[in-house]
């Protein structure tokens, strides 16, 4: 079985609808003037969205993540050990409560 492509370039081209919607609000310093990068490499991981200057990572999780609880927890611990705070939001939360998700991210940026 071939490996699933996980390069940042491939991931940027295959974003979910929720990731695309969130990116439209985060790009070009639109959220509180903070610069975000999408599919930012932090080997061996690739963060969905990263505000490096504030040390914040936003991960947008889909249904497959409900089966990967321990792997996600290990990834979060590894990123926290590198000095990042990690926020996880669900795809459906981004779509149903978009303003609430943005408010949560903004609060974390200003914390």
N, C-alpha and C. Protein backbone atom coordinates (compact mmCIF):
# COMPACT_ATOMS: atom_id res chain seq x y z
N UNK A 1 0.85 -1.18 0.00
CA UNK A 1 0.00 0.00 0.00
C UNK A 1 0.89 1.25 0.00
N UNK A 2 0.71 2.17 -0.93
CA UNK A 2 1.56 3.36 -0.98
C UNK A 2 1.32 4.27 0.21
N UNK A 3 2.37 4.96 0.60
CA UNK A 3 2.26 5.89 1.73
C UNK A 3 1.37 7.08 1.36
N UNK A 4 0.67 7.58 2.33
CA UNK A 4 -0.17 8.76 2.13
C UNK A 4 0.75 9.98 2.08
N UNK A 5 0.67 10.80 1.04
CA UNK A 5 1.54 11.98 0.97
C UNK A 5 1.29 12.92 2.14
N UNK A 6 2.36 13.32 2.81
CA UNK A 6 2.21 14.21 3.97
C UNK A 6 3.11 15.43 3.85
N UNK A 7 3.58 15.73 2.65
CA UNK A 7 4.41 16.92 2.50
C UNK A 7 3.53 18.16 2.68
N UNK A 8 4.11 19.22 3.22
CA UNK A 8 3.31 20.45 3.38
C UNK A 8 2.66 20.92 2.08
N UNK A 9 3.37 20.79 0.97
CA UNK A 9 2.81 21.23 -0.31
C UNK A 9 1.56 20.43 -0.66
N UNK A 10 1.65 19.10 -0.51
CA UNK A 10 0.48 18.26 -0.80
C UNK A 10 -0.67 18.59 0.15
N UNK A 11 -0.37 18.77 1.43
CA UNK A 11 -1.41 19.06 2.41
C UNK A 11 -2.08 20.40 2.13
N UNK A 12 -1.32 21.39 1.66
CA UNK A 12 -1.92 22.69 1.34
C UNK A 12 -2.91 22.57 0.19
N UNK A 13 -2.63 21.65 -0.74
CA UNK A 13 -3.51 21.49 -1.89
C UNK A 13 -4.74 20.64 -1.58
N UNK A 14 -4.71 19.92 -0.47
CA UNK A 14 -5.83 19.01 -0.16
C UNK A 14 -6.49 19.35 1.17
N UNK A 15 -6.65 20.63 1.44
CA UNK A 15 -7.27 21.07 2.69
C UNK A 15 -8.76 20.72 2.71
N UNK A 16 -9.27 20.47 3.91
CA UNK A 16 -10.71 20.23 4.06
C UNK A 16 -11.45 21.56 3.92
N UNK A 17 -12.77 21.49 3.78
CA UNK A 17 -13.56 22.72 3.69
C UNK A 17 -13.38 23.57 4.95
N UNK A 18 -13.33 22.91 6.10
CA UNK A 18 -13.15 23.65 7.36
C UNK A 18 -11.78 24.33 7.41
N UNK A 19 -10.74 23.62 6.98
CA UNK A 19 -9.40 24.22 6.96
C UNK A 19 -9.37 25.41 6.00
N UNK A 20 -9.99 25.25 4.84
CA UNK A 20 -10.03 26.35 3.86
C UNK A 20 -10.74 27.57 4.43
N UNK A 21 -11.86 27.33 5.09
CA UNK A 21 -12.63 28.44 5.68
C UNK A 21 -11.81 29.13 6.77
N UNK A 22 -11.18 28.36 7.61
CA UNK A 22 -10.38 28.95 8.69
C UNK A 22 -9.18 29.71 8.11
N UNK A 23 -8.55 29.16 7.08
CA UNK A 23 -7.41 29.82 6.47
C UNK A 23 -7.79 31.19 5.91
N UNK A 24 -8.98 31.29 5.34
CA UNK A 24 -9.42 32.58 4.80
C UNK A 24 -9.48 33.65 5.89
N UNK A 25 -9.74 33.25 7.13
CA UNK A 25 -9.81 34.21 8.23
C UNK A 25 -8.46 34.46 8.89
N UNK A 26 -7.53 33.51 8.74
CA UNK A 26 -6.22 33.64 9.41
C UNK A 26 -5.16 34.28 8.52
N UNK A 27 -5.30 34.13 7.22
CA UNK A 27 -4.24 34.59 6.31
C UNK A 27 -4.13 36.11 6.28
N UNK A 28 -2.98 36.57 5.86
CA UNK A 28 -2.71 38.01 5.70
C UNK A 28 -2.95 38.83 6.97
N UNK A 29 -2.63 38.23 8.11
CA UNK A 29 -2.72 38.93 9.40
C UNK A 29 -4.12 39.48 9.70
N UNK A 30 -5.15 38.78 9.26
CA UNK A 30 -6.52 39.26 9.45
C UNK A 30 -7.04 39.07 10.87
N UNK A 31 -6.45 38.16 11.63
CA UNK A 31 -6.92 37.91 12.99
C UNK A 31 -5.97 38.57 13.98
N UNK A 32 -6.34 39.74 14.44
CA UNK A 32 -5.55 40.45 15.44
C UNK A 32 -4.17 40.88 14.98
N UNK A 33 -3.94 40.88 13.67
CA UNK A 33 -2.64 41.29 13.14
C UNK A 33 -1.56 40.22 13.27
N UNK A 34 -1.95 38.98 13.59
CA UNK A 34 -0.97 37.91 13.79
C UNK A 34 -0.76 37.12 12.50
N UNK A 35 0.49 36.80 12.22
CA UNK A 35 0.84 36.04 11.01
C UNK A 35 0.70 34.55 11.27
N UNK A 36 -0.09 33.90 10.43
CA UNK A 36 -0.24 32.45 10.49
C UNK A 36 0.36 31.82 9.25
N UNK A 37 0.87 30.62 9.42
CA UNK A 37 1.34 29.81 8.30
C UNK A 37 0.47 28.56 8.25
N UNK A 38 0.14 28.13 7.06
CA UNK A 38 -0.67 26.91 6.95
C UNK A 38 0.22 25.73 6.57
N UNK A 39 -0.13 24.58 7.09
CA UNK A 39 0.62 23.34 6.86
C UNK A 39 2.11 23.61 7.08
N UNK A 40 2.41 24.10 8.26
CA UNK A 40 3.77 24.52 8.61
C UNK A 40 4.57 23.32 9.14
N UNK A 41 5.71 23.01 8.50
CA UNK A 41 6.51 21.86 8.94
C UNK A 41 7.21 22.12 10.27
N UNK A 42 7.01 21.19 11.18
CA UNK A 42 7.72 21.15 12.47
C UNK A 42 8.13 19.69 12.65
N UNK A 43 9.16 19.26 11.90
CA UNK A 43 9.51 17.84 11.82
C UNK A 43 9.53 17.15 13.19
N UNK A 44 8.95 15.97 13.25
CA UNK A 44 8.40 15.17 12.16
C UNK A 44 6.94 15.48 11.84
N UNK A 45 6.40 16.56 12.37
CA UNK A 45 4.99 16.89 12.19
C UNK A 45 4.80 18.03 11.20
N UNK A 46 3.56 18.19 10.76
CA UNK A 46 3.15 19.34 9.97
C UNK A 46 1.92 19.91 10.66
N UNK A 47 2.03 21.13 11.15
CA UNK A 47 0.92 21.78 11.86
C UNK A 47 -0.07 22.35 10.85
N UNK A 48 -1.36 22.19 11.10
CA UNK A 48 -2.37 22.75 10.19
C UNK A 48 -2.16 24.25 10.05
N UNK A 49 -2.11 24.96 11.19
CA UNK A 49 -1.88 26.41 11.19
C UNK A 49 -0.96 26.74 12.35
N UNK A 50 0.01 27.60 12.10
CA UNK A 50 0.95 27.98 13.16
C UNK A 50 1.18 29.48 13.14
N UNK A 51 1.07 30.07 14.31
CA UNK A 51 1.49 31.45 14.52
C UNK A 51 2.80 31.34 15.30
N UNK A 52 3.90 31.33 14.57
CA UNK A 52 5.20 31.09 15.17
C UNK A 52 5.57 32.18 16.16
N UNK A 53 5.27 33.44 15.82
CA UNK A 53 5.64 34.56 16.70
C UNK A 53 4.97 34.48 18.07
N UNK A 54 3.80 33.85 18.15
CA UNK A 54 3.09 33.71 19.44
C UNK A 54 3.14 32.28 19.97
N UNK A 55 3.80 31.38 19.23
CA UNK A 55 3.94 30.01 19.69
C UNK A 55 2.63 29.25 19.79
N UNK A 56 1.73 29.49 18.81
CA UNK A 56 0.42 28.86 18.84
C UNK A 56 0.21 28.00 17.60
N UNK A 57 -0.28 26.80 17.82
CA UNK A 57 -0.64 25.90 16.73
C UNK A 57 -2.13 25.61 16.83
N UNK A 58 -2.80 25.68 15.68
CA UNK A 58 -4.22 25.34 15.60
C UNK A 58 -4.34 24.10 14.72
N UNK A 59 -4.88 23.03 15.29
CA UNK A 59 -5.10 21.79 14.56
C UNK A 59 -6.59 21.64 14.32
N UNK A 60 -6.96 21.37 13.07
CA UNK A 60 -8.36 21.15 12.71
C UNK A 60 -8.53 19.66 12.48
N UNK A 61 -9.29 19.01 13.34
CA UNK A 61 -9.43 17.56 13.31
C UNK A 61 -10.74 17.13 12.69
N UNK A 62 -10.66 16.06 11.90
CA UNK A 62 -11.86 15.47 11.31
C UNK A 62 -12.22 14.20 12.06
N UNK A 63 -13.14 13.44 11.51
CA UNK A 63 -13.63 12.23 12.16
C UNK A 63 -12.56 11.19 12.42
N UNK A 64 -11.53 11.13 11.58
CA UNK A 64 -10.48 10.13 11.76
C UNK A 64 -9.72 10.33 13.06
N UNK A 65 -9.75 11.53 13.61
CA UNK A 65 -8.99 11.81 14.82
C UNK A 65 -9.64 11.22 16.07
N UNK A 66 -10.92 10.88 16.00
CA UNK A 66 -11.56 10.27 17.16
C UNK A 66 -10.98 8.88 17.42
N UNK A 67 -10.36 8.30 16.41
CA UNK A 67 -9.73 6.98 16.54
C UNK A 67 -8.24 7.11 16.84
N UNK A 68 -7.70 8.31 16.84
CA UNK A 68 -6.27 8.52 17.02
C UNK A 68 -5.98 9.35 18.27
N UNK A 69 -6.72 9.12 19.31
CA UNK A 69 -6.61 9.95 20.51
C UNK A 69 -5.20 9.93 21.07
N UNK A 70 -4.62 8.76 21.23
CA UNK A 70 -3.28 8.67 21.83
C UNK A 70 -2.22 9.27 20.92
N UNK A 71 -2.31 9.04 19.61
CA UNK A 71 -1.34 9.62 18.68
C UNK A 71 -1.43 11.15 18.70
N UNK A 72 -2.65 11.68 18.74
CA UNK A 72 -2.82 13.13 18.81
C UNK A 72 -2.28 13.69 20.12
N UNK A 73 -2.49 12.96 21.21
CA UNK A 73 -1.99 13.41 22.52
C UNK A 73 -0.46 13.43 22.52
N UNK A 74 0.16 12.41 21.92
CA UNK A 74 1.62 12.37 21.85
C UNK A 74 2.15 13.51 20.99
N UNK A 75 1.48 13.78 19.90
CA UNK A 75 1.87 14.88 19.01
C UNK A 75 1.76 16.22 19.76
N UNK A 76 0.66 16.41 20.48
CA UNK A 76 0.48 17.64 21.26
C UNK A 76 1.58 17.79 22.29
N UNK A 77 1.90 16.71 23.01
CA UNK A 77 2.97 16.77 24.02
C UNK A 77 4.31 17.14 23.38
N UNK A 78 4.60 16.55 22.22
CA UNK A 78 5.87 16.83 21.54
C UNK A 78 5.95 18.30 21.11
N UNK A 79 4.85 18.84 20.61
CA UNK A 79 4.84 20.24 20.19
C UNK A 79 4.91 21.18 21.39
N UNK A 80 4.25 20.80 22.48
CA UNK A 80 4.33 21.60 23.71
C UNK A 80 5.76 21.59 24.26
N UNK A 81 6.44 20.47 24.15
CA UNK A 81 7.83 20.39 24.61
C UNK A 81 8.73 21.32 23.81
N UNK A 82 8.31 21.67 22.61
CA UNK A 82 9.06 22.61 21.77
C UNK A 82 8.62 24.05 21.99
N UNK A 83 7.75 24.26 22.97
CA UNK A 83 7.35 25.61 23.34
C UNK A 83 6.07 26.12 22.71
N UNK A 84 5.32 25.26 22.03
CA UNK A 84 4.07 25.67 21.38
C UNK A 84 2.87 25.34 22.26
N UNK A 85 1.85 26.18 22.18
CA UNK A 85 0.53 25.85 22.72
C UNK A 85 -0.28 25.30 21.56
N UNK A 86 -1.08 24.29 21.82
CA UNK A 86 -1.83 23.63 20.75
C UNK A 86 -3.32 23.72 21.06
N UNK A 87 -4.07 24.23 20.09
CA UNK A 87 -5.53 24.26 20.16
C UNK A 87 -6.04 23.27 19.12
N UNK A 88 -6.96 22.41 19.54
CA UNK A 88 -7.58 21.47 18.60
C UNK A 88 -9.06 21.82 18.46
N UNK A 89 -9.51 21.93 17.22
CA UNK A 89 -10.92 22.17 16.94
C UNK A 89 -11.38 21.14 15.91
N UNK A 90 -12.65 20.81 15.96
CA UNK A 90 -13.22 19.84 15.02
C UNK A 90 -13.68 20.54 13.75
N UNK A 91 -13.61 19.83 12.63
CA UNK A 91 -14.11 20.35 11.36
C UNK A 91 -15.52 20.90 11.51
N UNK A 92 -16.41 20.11 12.12
CA UNK A 92 -17.81 20.54 12.23
C UNK A 92 -17.95 21.75 13.13
N UNK A 93 -17.06 21.92 14.11
CA UNK A 93 -17.10 23.10 14.96
C UNK A 93 -16.73 24.35 14.17
N UNK A 94 -15.74 24.23 13.30
CA UNK A 94 -15.35 25.36 12.45
C UNK A 94 -16.53 25.78 11.57
N UNK A 95 -17.23 24.80 11.03
CA UNK A 95 -18.33 25.11 10.12
C UNK A 95 -19.57 25.63 10.86
N UNK A 96 -19.85 25.12 12.06
CA UNK A 96 -21.08 25.48 12.77
C UNK A 96 -20.91 26.66 13.73
N UNK A 97 -19.71 26.85 14.24
CA UNK A 97 -19.47 27.90 15.24
C UNK A 97 -18.22 28.69 14.88
N UNK A 98 -18.18 29.18 13.67
CA UNK A 98 -16.99 29.83 13.13
C UNK A 98 -16.52 31.00 13.99
N UNK A 99 -17.42 31.89 14.36
CA UNK A 99 -17.03 33.06 15.16
C UNK A 99 -16.52 32.63 16.53
N UNK A 100 -17.10 31.59 17.10
CA UNK A 100 -16.63 31.08 18.38
C UNK A 100 -15.22 30.52 18.29
N UNK A 101 -14.93 29.81 17.20
CA UNK A 101 -13.58 29.27 16.98
C UNK A 101 -12.58 30.42 16.85
N UNK A 102 -12.93 31.43 16.06
CA UNK A 102 -12.03 32.59 15.90
C UNK A 102 -11.80 33.28 17.24
N UNK A 103 -12.84 33.41 18.05
CA UNK A 103 -12.71 34.05 19.36
C UNK A 103 -11.77 33.24 20.27
N UNK A 104 -11.87 31.92 20.21
CA UNK A 104 -10.99 31.05 21.00
C UNK A 104 -9.54 31.22 20.57
N UNK A 105 -9.30 31.27 19.26
CA UNK A 105 -7.94 31.44 18.75
C UNK A 105 -7.40 32.80 19.15
N UNK A 106 -8.19 33.84 18.99
CA UNK A 106 -7.76 35.19 19.34
C UNK A 106 -7.44 35.30 20.83
N UNK A 107 -8.26 34.69 21.67
CA UNK A 107 -8.00 34.71 23.12
C UNK A 107 -6.68 34.02 23.44
N UNK A 108 -6.39 32.91 22.76
CA UNK A 108 -5.12 32.20 22.99
C UNK A 108 -3.93 33.04 22.52
N UNK A 109 -4.11 33.78 21.44
CA UNK A 109 -3.04 34.64 20.93
C UNK A 109 -2.72 35.77 21.89
N UNK A 110 -3.75 36.25 22.57
CA UNK A 110 -3.58 37.40 23.45
C UNK A 110 -3.28 37.00 24.89
N UNK A 111 -3.25 35.69 25.16
CA UNK A 111 -2.99 35.17 26.49
C UNK A 111 -1.51 35.27 26.83
